Amino acid sequence: MSATTRIPVRAVLFDLDGVLVHSAAVVERSWTGWAHRHGLDAAEVLAVCHGRPSVETIALLAPQVDAAAEAVTLEAEQAADTEGLAACQGAAELIAALDSGADGAPVPWAVVTSGTHALASARLAAVGHRQPDVFVTADAVTRGKPDPEGYLTAARALGVDPHECVVVEDAEPGARAGHAAGARVIGVAGGTLTGTEPTLATFVETLALLTVDRDPATGDVCLHAHTQSHPHTHPYAPAHERVG
């Protein structure tokens, strides 16, 4: 049974990998190569790198190396590798709808990601997305997701109360971060979310199921999420889009 969830919004805060850009092929190539260079099991590395800053993953799995230096090298490698990158379904259309503002002022949006600024910027450019109004990346915060610092920083930079923001995420740590920041969280299938998480306001298969309109009576902009079932009983199984 289909349903529509209507969420008033003054700003949208996007995760990057798995939400705006499909980057799993690049990330898996890079982390697999790193694992082999350090004599680690690639499957174990890929199981823990999702949603974490690279430096944290490296420090956890290879405490004997200089995690900061290794992370710089790894992320530069990923930024230069664009083979297999693609825009997520519906992402370009949703960005265009926010920029048009539903026949009114544009709705500001930000990207909050566990990658560095250089890596995130390169991935957006590679798939044809414009750079966001605000970028909050791993090199701009002291605590990564699931801490809400990144989303709180983005809302503050946009001049919008976090409670008036919508966070769009495909990973459980990011959904927890958005919820802790006070935002409404829309989950997207394809990552580590199942749609059953209590942190989610609703859950969609792709961004193509999100539309933007303006209430003619109040002038408020709303996101409409078109779903096939109750958001907390969603049947989609995750395919694990991983973040570098």
C-alpha atoms as a PDB file:
ATOM      1  CA  MET A   1       0.000   0.000   0.000  1.00  0.00           C
ATOM      2  CA  SER A   2       1.391   3.391  -0.977  1.00  0.00           C
ATOM      3  CA  ALA A   3       1.548   6.342   1.376  1.00  0.00           C
ATOM      4  CA  THR A   4       2.854   9.897   1.367  1.00  0.00           C
ATOM      5  CA  THR A   5       4.661  11.528   4.277  1.00  0.00           C
ATOM      6  CA  ARG A   6       4.710  15.331   4.164  1.00  0.00           C
ATOM      7  CA  ILE A   7       7.564  17.037   6.033  1.00  0.00           C
ATOM      8  CA  PRO A   8       7.920  20.843   6.282  1.00  0.00           C
ATOM      9  CA  VAL A   9      11.513  21.874   5.633  1.00  0.00           C
ATOM     10  CA  ARG A  10      13.667  25.002   5.610  1.00  0.00           C
ATOM     11  CA  ALA A  11      16.936  23.261   4.702  1.00  0.00           C
ATOM     12  CA  VAL A  12      18.076  19.804   3.607  1.00  0.00           C
ATOM     13  CA  LEU A  13      21.250  18.188   4.931  1.00  0.00           C
ATOM     14  CA  PHE A  14      22.493  15.338   2.731  1.00  0.00           C
ATOM     15  CA  ASP A  15      24.910  12.562   3.419  1.00  0.00           C
ATOM     16  CA  LEU A  16      27.072  12.062   0.315  1.00  0.00           C
ATOM     17  CA  ASP A  17      28.010   8.466  -0.473  1.00  0.00           C
ATOM     18  CA  GLY A  18      24.989   6.312  -1.192  1.00  0.00           C
ATOM     19  CA  VAL A  19      22.663   9.333  -1.090  1.00  0.00           C
ATOM     20  CA  LEU A  20      23.916  11.729  -3.781  1.00  0.00           C
ATOM     21  CA  VAL A  21      26.738   9.658  -5.284  1.00  0.00           C
ATOM     22  CA  HIS A  22      27.146   5.916  -5.790  1.00  0.00           C
ATOM     23  CA  SER A  23      30.789   5.382  -4.879  1.00  0.00           C
ATOM     24  CA  ALA A  24      30.892   1.783  -3.656  1.00  0.00           C
ATOM     25  CA  ALA A  25      33.094   0.573  -6.542  1.00  0.00           C
ATOM     26  CA  VAL A  26      35.758   3.219  -5.900  1.00  0.00           C
ATOM     27  CA  VAL A  27      35.702   2.761  -2.141  1.00  0.00           C
ATOM     28  CA  GLU A  28      35.944  -1.007  -2.312  1.00  0.00           C
ATOM     29  CA  ARG A  29      38.873  -0.854  -4.750  1.00  0.00           C
ATOM     30  CA  SER A  30      40.727   1.595  -2.556  1.00  0.00           C
ATOM     31  CA  TRP A  31      40.135  -0.112   0.793  1.00  0.00           C
ATOM     32  CA  THR A  32      40.814  -3.562  -0.680  1.00  0.00           C
ATOM     33  CA  GLY A  33      44.190  -2.330  -1.972  1.00  0.00           C
ATOM     34  CA  TRP A  34      44.953  -0.761   1.401  1.00  0.00           C
ATOM     35  CA  ALA A  35      44.045  -3.992   3.201  1.00  0.00           C
ATOM     36  CA  HIS A  36      46.319  -6.043   0.974  1.00  0.00           C
ATOM     37  CA  ARG A  37      49.223  -3.629   1.478  1.00  0.00           C
ATOM     38  CA  HIS A  38      48.924  -4.064   5.248  1.00  0.00           C
ATOM     39  CA  GLY A  39      48.250  -7.806   5.296  1.00  0.00           C
ATOM     40  CA  LEU A  40      44.648  -7.393   6.440  1.00  0.00           C
ATOM     41  CA  ASP A  41      41.523  -9.235   5.403  1.00  0.00           C
ATOM     42  CA  ALA A  42      39.705  -7.032   2.873  1.00  0.00           C
ATOM     43  CA  ALA A  43      36.252  -8.266   3.885  1.00  0.00           C
ATOM     44  CA  GLU A  44      36.902  -7.312   7.503  1.00  0.00           C
ATOM     45  CA  VAL A  45      38.107  -3.861   6.454  1.00  0.00           C
ATOM     46  CA  LEU A  46      35.061  -3.256   4.242  1.00  0.00           C
ATOM     47  CA  ALA A  47      32.770  -4.362   7.064  1.00  0.00           C
ATOM     48  CA  VAL A  48      33.903  -1.539   9.356  1.00  0.00           C
ATOM     49  CA  CYS A  49      34.830   1.381   7.072  1.00  0.00           C
ATOM     50  CA  HIS A  50      31.233   2.409   6.271  1.00  0.00           C
ATOM     51  CA  GLY A  51      30.290   5.771   7.727  1.00  0.00           C
ATOM     52  CA  ARG A  52      33.628   6.356   9.468  1.00  0.00           C
ATOM     53  CA  PRO A  53      36.319   8.914   8.659  1.00  0.00           C
ATOM     54  CA  SER A  54      39.226   7.111   7.008  1.00  0.00           C
ATOM     55  CA  VAL A  55      41.607   8.083   9.795  1.00  0.00           C
ATOM     56  CA  GLU A  56      39.373   6.392  12.385  1.00  0.00           C
ATOM     57  CA  THR A  57      39.124   3.186  10.364  1.00  0.00           C
ATOM     58  CA  ILE A  58      42.895   3.069   9.877  1.00  0.00           C
ATOM     59  CA  ALA A  59      43.593   3.737  13.559  1.00  0.00           C
ATOM     60  CA  LEU A  60      41.184   0.952  14.515  1.00  0.00           C
ATOM     61  CA  LEU A  61      42.510  -1.679  12.111  1.00  0.00           C
ATOM     62  CA  ALA A  62      46.207  -0.781  11.858  1.00  0.00           C
ATOM     63  CA  PRO A  63      47.244   1.013  15.069  1.00  0.00           C
ATOM     64  CA  GLN A  64      50.908   0.483  14.221  1.00  0.00           C
ATOM     65  CA  VAL A  65      50.823   2.936  11.261  1.00  0.00           C
ATOM     66  CA  ASP A  66      50.549   6.728  11.062  1.00  0.00           C
ATOM     67  CA  ALA A  67      46.782   6.917  10.616  1.00  0.00           C
ATOM     68  CA  ALA A  68      46.708  10.587   9.600  1.00  0.00           C
ATOM     69  CA  ALA A  69      49.332  10.157   6.875  1.00  0.00           C
ATOM     70  CA  GLU A  70      47.738   6.940   5.610  1.00  0.00           C
ATOM     71  CA  ALA A  71      44.332   8.624   5.449  1.00  0.00           C
ATOM     72  CA  VAL A  72      45.707  11.501   3.370  1.00  0.00           C
ATOM     73  CA  THR A  73      47.182   9.054   0.863  1.00  0.00           C
ATOM     74  CA  LEU A  74      44.059   6.877   0.754  1.00  0.00           C
ATOM     75  CA  GLU A  75      41.674   9.777   0.235  1.00  0.00           C
ATOM     76  CA  ALA A  76      43.857  11.325  -2.472  1.00  0.00           C
ATOM     77  CA  GLU A  77      43.783   7.960  -4.237  1.00  0.00           C
ATOM     78  CA  GLN A  78      39.988   7.837  -3.980  1.00  0.00           C
ATOM     79  CA  ALA A  79      39.563  11.428  -5.165  1.00  0.00           C
ATOM     80  CA  ALA A  80      41.579  10.650  -8.301  1.00  0.00           C
ATOM     81  CA  ASP A  81      39.625   7.462  -9.040  1.00  0.00           C
ATOM     82  CA  THR A  82      36.274   8.313 -10.662  1.00  0.00           C
ATOM     83  CA  GLU A  83      35.663   5.043 -12.514  1.00  0.00           C
ATOM     84  CA  GLY A  84      32.268   3.674 -11.510  1.00  0.00           C
ATOM     85  CA  LEU A  85      31.012   6.844  -9.830  1.00  0.00           C
ATOM     86  CA  ALA A  86      27.386   7.683 -10.659  1.00  0.00           C
ATOM     87  CA  ALA A  87      24.699  10.030  -9.426  1.00  0.00           C
ATOM     88  CA  CYS A  88      22.135   8.287  -7.239  1.00  0.00           C
ATOM     89  CA  GLN A  89      18.690   7.927  -8.779  1.00  0.00           C
ATOM     90  CA  GLY A  90      16.651  11.092  -8.311  1.00  0.00           C
ATOM     91  CA  ALA A  91      19.506  13.093  -6.782  1.00  0.00           C
ATOM     92  CA  ALA A  92      19.929  15.597  -9.616  1.00  0.00           C
ATOM     93  CA  GLU A  93      16.180  16.155  -9.837  1.00  0.00           C
ATOM     94  CA  LEU A  94      15.834  16.702  -6.088  1.00  0.00           C
ATOM     95  CA  ILE A  95      18.723  19.183  -6.042  1.00  0.00           C
ATOM     96  CA  ALA A  96      17.126  21.056  -8.955  1.00  0.00           C
ATOM     97  CA  ALA A  97      13.787  21.144  -7.139  1.00  0.00           C
ATOM     98  CA  LEU A  98      15.408  22.548  -3.995  1.00  0.00           C
ATOM     99  CA  ASP A  99      17.290  25.145  -6.045  1.00  0.00           C
ATOM    100  CA  SER A 100      14.044  26.242  -7.712  1.00  0.00           C
ATOM    101  CA  GLY A 101      12.365  26.461  -4.324  1.00  0.00           C
ATOM    102  CA  ALA A 102       8.997  25.132  -5.519  1.00  0.00           C
ATOM    103  CA  ASP A 103       8.246  28.395  -7.361  1.00  0.00           C
ATOM    104  CA  GLY A 104       9.731  30.490  -4.579  1.00  0.00           C
ATOM    105  CA  ALA A 105      13.019  31.163  -2.833  1.00  0.00           C
ATOM    106  CA  PRO A 106      15.532  28.315  -3.149  1.00  0.00           C
ATOM    107  CA  VAL A 107      15.725  25.832  -0.286  1.00  0.00           C
ATOM    108  CA  PRO A 108      19.331  25.776   0.992  1.00  0.00           C
ATOM    109  CA  TRP A 109      21.105  22.436   1.253  1.00  0.00           C
ATOM    110  CA  ALA A 110      24.337  21.110   2.671  1.00  0.00           C
ATOM    111  CA  VAL A 111      26.457  17.991   2.461  1.00  0.00           C
ATOM    112  CA  VAL A 112      27.640  16.365   5.689  1.00  0.00           C
ATOM    113  CA  THR A 113      30.063  13.521   5.025  1.00  0.00           C
ATOM    114  CA  SER A 114      32.729  11.408   6.701  1.00  0.00           C
ATOM    115  CA  GLY A 115      35.077  12.063   3.765  1.00  0.00           C
ATOM    116  CA  THR A 116      37.403  15.029   3.397  1.00  0.00           C
ATOM    117  CA  HIS A 117      36.467  18.193   1.517  1.00  0.00           C
ATOM    118  CA  ALA A 118      38.723  17.363  -1.435  1.00  0.00           C
ATOM    119  CA  LEU A 119      37.297  13.862  -1.786  1.00  0.00           C
ATOM    120  CA  ALA A 120      33.657  14.914  -1.441  1.00  0.00           C
ATOM    121  CA  SER A 121      34.060  17.833  -3.853  1.00  0.00           C
ATOM    122  CA  ALA A 122      35.706  15.583  -6.438  1.00  0.00           C
ATOM    123  CA  ARG A 123      32.902  13.031  -6.236  1.00  0.00           C
ATOM    124  CA  LEU A 124      30.160  15.638  -6.632  1.00  0.00           C
ATOM    125  CA  ALA A 125      31.929  17.168  -9.624  1.00  0.00           C
ATOM    126  CA  ALA A 126      32.515  13.773 -11.225  1.00  0.00           C
ATOM    127  CA  VAL A 127      28.769  13.013 -11.397  1.00  0.00           C
ATOM    128  CA  GLY A 128      27.696  16.527 -12.382  1.00  0.00           C
ATOM    129  CA  HIS A 129      26.243  17.778  -9.089  1.00  0.00           C
ATOM    130  CA  ARG A 130      26.933  21.385  -8.149  1.00  0.00           C
ATOM    131  CA  GLN A 131      28.871  22.121  -4.979  1.00  0.00           C
ATOM    132  CA  PRO A 132      26.559  22.590  -1.988  1.00  0.00           C
ATOM    133  CA  ASP A 133      25.717  25.788  -0.145  1.00  0.00           C
ATOM    134  CA  VAL A 134      27.597  24.371   2.868  1.00  0.00           C
ATOM    135  CA  PHE A 135      30.105  21.525   3.082  1.00  0.00           C
ATOM    136  CA  VAL A 136      30.777  19.842   6.438  1.00  0.00           C
ATOM    137  CA  THR A 137      33.449  17.200   6.008  1.00  0.00           C
ATOM    138  CA  ALA A 138      35.644  15.058   8.238  1.00  0.00           C
ATOM    139  CA  ASP A 139      38.336  17.720   8.316  1.00  0.00           C
ATOM    140  CA  ALA A 140      35.865  20.293   9.690  1.00  0.00           C
ATOM    141  CA  VAL A 141      34.634  18.439  12.799  1.00  0.00           C
ATOM    142  CA  THR A 142      36.203  16.871  15.865  1.00  0.00           C
ATOM    143  CA  ARG A 143      33.638  14.091  16.254  1.00  0.00           C
ATOM    144  CA  GLY A 144      32.269  12.052  13.352  1.00  0.00           C
ATOM    145  CA  LYS A 145      28.885  10.389  12.975  1.00  0.00           C
ATOM    146  CA  PRO A 146      26.961   9.161  14.970  1.00  0.00           C
ATOM    147  CA  ASP A 147      27.838  12.320  16.908  1.00  0.00           C
ATOM    148  CA  PRO A 148      25.494  15.145  15.771  1.00  0.00           C
ATOM    149  CA  GLU A 149      28.328  17.704  15.463  1.00  0.00           C
ATOM    150  CA  GLY A 150      28.394  17.610  11.666  1.00  0.00           C
ATOM    151  CA  TYR A 151      24.677  18.147  11.224  1.00  0.00           C
ATOM    152  CA  LEU A 152      24.534  20.826  13.915  1.00  0.00           C
ATOM    153  CA  THR A 153      27.453  22.607  12.232  1.00  0.00           C
ATOM    154  CA  ALA A 154      25.700  22.499   8.842  1.00  0.00           C
ATOM    155  CA  ALA A 155      22.413  23.841  10.220  1.00  0.00           C
ATOM    156  CA  ARG A 156      24.252  26.651  11.992  1.00  0.00           C
ATOM    157  CA  ALA A 157      26.172  27.556   8.829  1.00  0.00           C
ATOM    158  CA  LEU A 158      22.899  27.735   6.875  1.00  0.00           C
ATOM    159  CA  GLY A 159      21.288  29.849   9.602  1.00  0.00           C
ATOM    160  CA  VAL A 160      18.473  27.329  10.118  1.00  0.00           C
ATOM    161  CA  ASP A 161      17.269  25.721  13.349  1.00  0.00           C
ATOM    162  CA  PRO A 162      18.176  21.984  13.222  1.00  0.00           C
ATOM    163  CA  HIS A 163      14.553  21.151  14.059  1.00  0.00           C
ATOM    164  CA  GLU A 164      13.552  22.788  10.759  1.00  0.00           C
ATOM    165  CA  CYS A 165      16.021  20.699   8.759  1.00  0.00           C
ATOM    166  CA  VAL A 166      15.602  17.363   7.043  1.00  0.00           C
ATOM    167  CA  VAL A 167      18.553  14.973   7.034  1.00  0.00           C
ATOM    168  CA  VAL A 168      18.806  12.404   4.207  1.00  0.00           C
ATOM    169  CA  GLU A 169      20.919   9.361   5.079  1.00  0.00           C
ATOM    170  CA  ASP A 170      21.569   5.779   3.991  1.00  0.00           C
ATOM    171  CA  ALA A 171      23.624   4.679   7.014  1.00  0.00           C
ATOM    172  CA  GLU A 172      22.628   3.952  10.590  1.00  0.00           C
ATOM    173  CA  PRO A 173      25.357   6.106  12.229  1.00  0.00           C
ATOM    174  CA  GLY A 174      24.293   9.056  10.078  1.00  0.00           C
ATOM    175  CA  ALA A 175      20.611   8.553  10.882  1.00  0.00           C
ATOM    176  CA  ARG A 176      21.482   8.549  14.572  1.00  0.00           C
ATOM    177  CA  ALA A 177      23.514  11.738  14.100  1.00  0.00           C
ATOM    178  CA  GLY A 178      20.690  13.539  12.305  1.00  0.00           C
ATOM    179  CA  HIS A 179      18.136  12.452  14.872  1.00  0.00           C
ATOM    180  CA  ALA A 180      20.389  13.532  17.748  1.00  0.00           C
ATOM    181  CA  ALA A 181      20.756  16.939  16.090  1.00  0.00           C
ATOM    182  CA  GLY A 182      16.979  17.345  16.246  1.00  0.00           C
ATOM    183  CA  ALA A 183      16.297  17.041  12.520  1.00  0.00           C
ATOM    184  CA  ARG A 184      13.730  14.841  10.792  1.00  0.00           C
ATOM    185  CA  VAL A 185      15.586  11.988   9.098  1.00  0.00           C
ATOM    186  CA  ILE A 186      14.626  10.419   5.779  1.00  0.00           C
ATOM    187  CA  GLY A 187      16.311   7.077   5.194  1.00  0.00           C
ATOM    188  CA  VAL A 188      17.281   5.876   1.716  1.00  0.00           C
ATOM    189  CA  ALA A 189      17.615   2.206   0.776  1.00  0.00           C
ATOM    190  CA  GLY A 190      20.907   0.821  -0.492  1.00  0.00           C
ATOM    191  CA  GLY A 191      23.081   1.438   2.550  1.00  0.00           C
ATOM    192  CA  THR A 192      22.930  -0.042   6.033  1.00  0.00           C
ATOM    193  CA  LEU A 193      19.423   1.185   6.909  1.00  0.00           C
ATOM    194  CA  THR A 194      16.503  -1.235   6.823  1.00  0.00           C
ATOM    195  CA  GLY A 195      13.678   1.270   7.320  1.00  0.00           C
ATOM    196  CA  THR A 196      12.882  -0.078  10.800  1.00  0.00           C
ATOM    197  CA  GLU A 197      15.113   2.359  12.703  1.00  0.00           C
ATOM    198  CA  PRO A 198      13.261   4.551  15.244  1.00  0.00           C
ATOM    199  CA  THR A 199      15.485   7.491  14.233  1.00  0.00           C
ATOM    200  CA  LEU A 200      13.717   7.702  10.844  1.00  0.00           C
ATOM    201  CA  ALA A 201      10.730   9.895  10.023  1.00  0.00           C
ATOM    202  CA  THR A 202      10.244   7.887   6.837  1.00  0.00           C
ATOM    203  CA  PHE A 203      12.129   5.666   4.399  1.00  0.00           C
ATOM    204  CA  VAL A 204      12.255   5.647   0.584  1.00  0.00           C
ATOM    205  CA  GLU A 205      13.806   3.350  -1.979  1.00  0.00           C
ATOM    206  CA  THR A 206      15.373   6.225  -3.959  1.00  0.00           C
ATOM    207  CA  LEU A 207      15.485  10.024  -3.967  1.00  0.00           C
ATOM    208  CA  ALA A 208      13.200   9.877  -7.015  1.00  0.00           C
ATOM    209  CA  LEU A 209      10.401   9.265  -4.491  1.00  0.00           C
ATOM    210  CA  LEU A 210      10.992  12.650  -2.820  1.00  0.00           C
ATOM    211  CA  THR A 211       9.251  15.696  -4.288  1.00  0.00           C
ATOM    212  CA  VAL A 212       9.202  19.345  -3.261  1.00  0.00           C
ATOM    213  CA  ASP A 213       6.181  21.642  -3.140  1.00  0.00           C
ATOM    214  CA  ARG A 214       4.991  24.795  -1.433  1.00  0.00           C
ATOM    215  CA  ASP A 215       1.844  25.066   0.682  1.00  0.00           C
ATOM    216  CA  PRO A 216      -0.212  27.815  -1.034  1.00  0.00           C
ATOM    217  CA  ALA A 217      -1.826  28.801   2.271  1.00  0.00           C
ATOM    218  CA  THR A 218       1.290  29.149   4.408  1.00  0.00           C
ATOM    219  CA  GLY A 219       4.083  29.424   1.844  1.00  0.00           C
ATOM    220  CA  ASP A 220       5.941  26.625   3.666  1.00  0.00           C
ATOM    221  CA  VAL A 221       8.085  24.297   1.568  1.00  0.00           C
ATOM    222  CA  CYS A 222       7.527  20.582   2.172  1.00  0.00           C
ATOM    223  CA  LEU A 223       9.236  17.394   1.155  1.00  0.00           C
ATOM    224  CA  HIS A 224       6.823  14.665   0.128  1.00  0.00           C
ATOM    225  CA  ALA A 225       8.112  11.117   0.602  1.00  0.00           C
ATOM    226  CA  HIS A 226       6.197   8.563  -1.435  1.00  0.00           C
ATOM    227  CA  THR A 227       6.505   5.140   0.174  1.00  0.00           C
ATOM    228  CA  GLN A 228       5.056   1.701  -0.417  1.00  0.00           C
ATOM    229  CA  SER A 229       4.659   0.737   3.216  1.00  0.00           C
ATOM    230  CA  HIS A 230       4.844   2.095   6.750  1.00  0.00           C
ATOM    231  CA  PRO A 231       8.280   3.669   7.246  1.00  0.00           C
ATOM    232  CA  HIS A 232       9.119   1.382  10.157  1.00  0.00           C
ATOM    233  CA  THR A 233       8.117  -1.855   8.407  1.00  0.00           C
ATOM    234  CA  HIS A 234       9.920  -1.300   5.143  1.00  0.00           C
ATOM    235  CA  PRO A 235      10.883  -4.461   3.203  1.00  0.00           C
ATOM    236  CA  TYR A 236      13.956  -3.238   1.341  1.00  0.00           C
ATOM    237  CA  ALA A 237      17.196  -5.044   2.166  1.00  0.00           C
ATOM    238  CA  PRO A 238      20.411  -2.977   2.280  1.00  0.00           C
ATOM    239  CA  ALA A 239      23.117  -3.397  -0.340  1.00  0.00           C
ATOM    240  CA  HIS A 240      25.817  -1.627   1.745  1.00  0.00           C
ATOM    241  CA  GLU A 241      27.015   1.535   0.034  1.00  0.00           C
ATOM    242  CA  ARG A 242      30.318   2.239   1.748  1.00  0.00           C
ATOM    243  CA  VAL A 243      31.974   5.529   2.518  1.00  0.00           C
ATOM    244  CA  GLY A 244      35.656   6.311   2.129  1.00  0.00           C
END
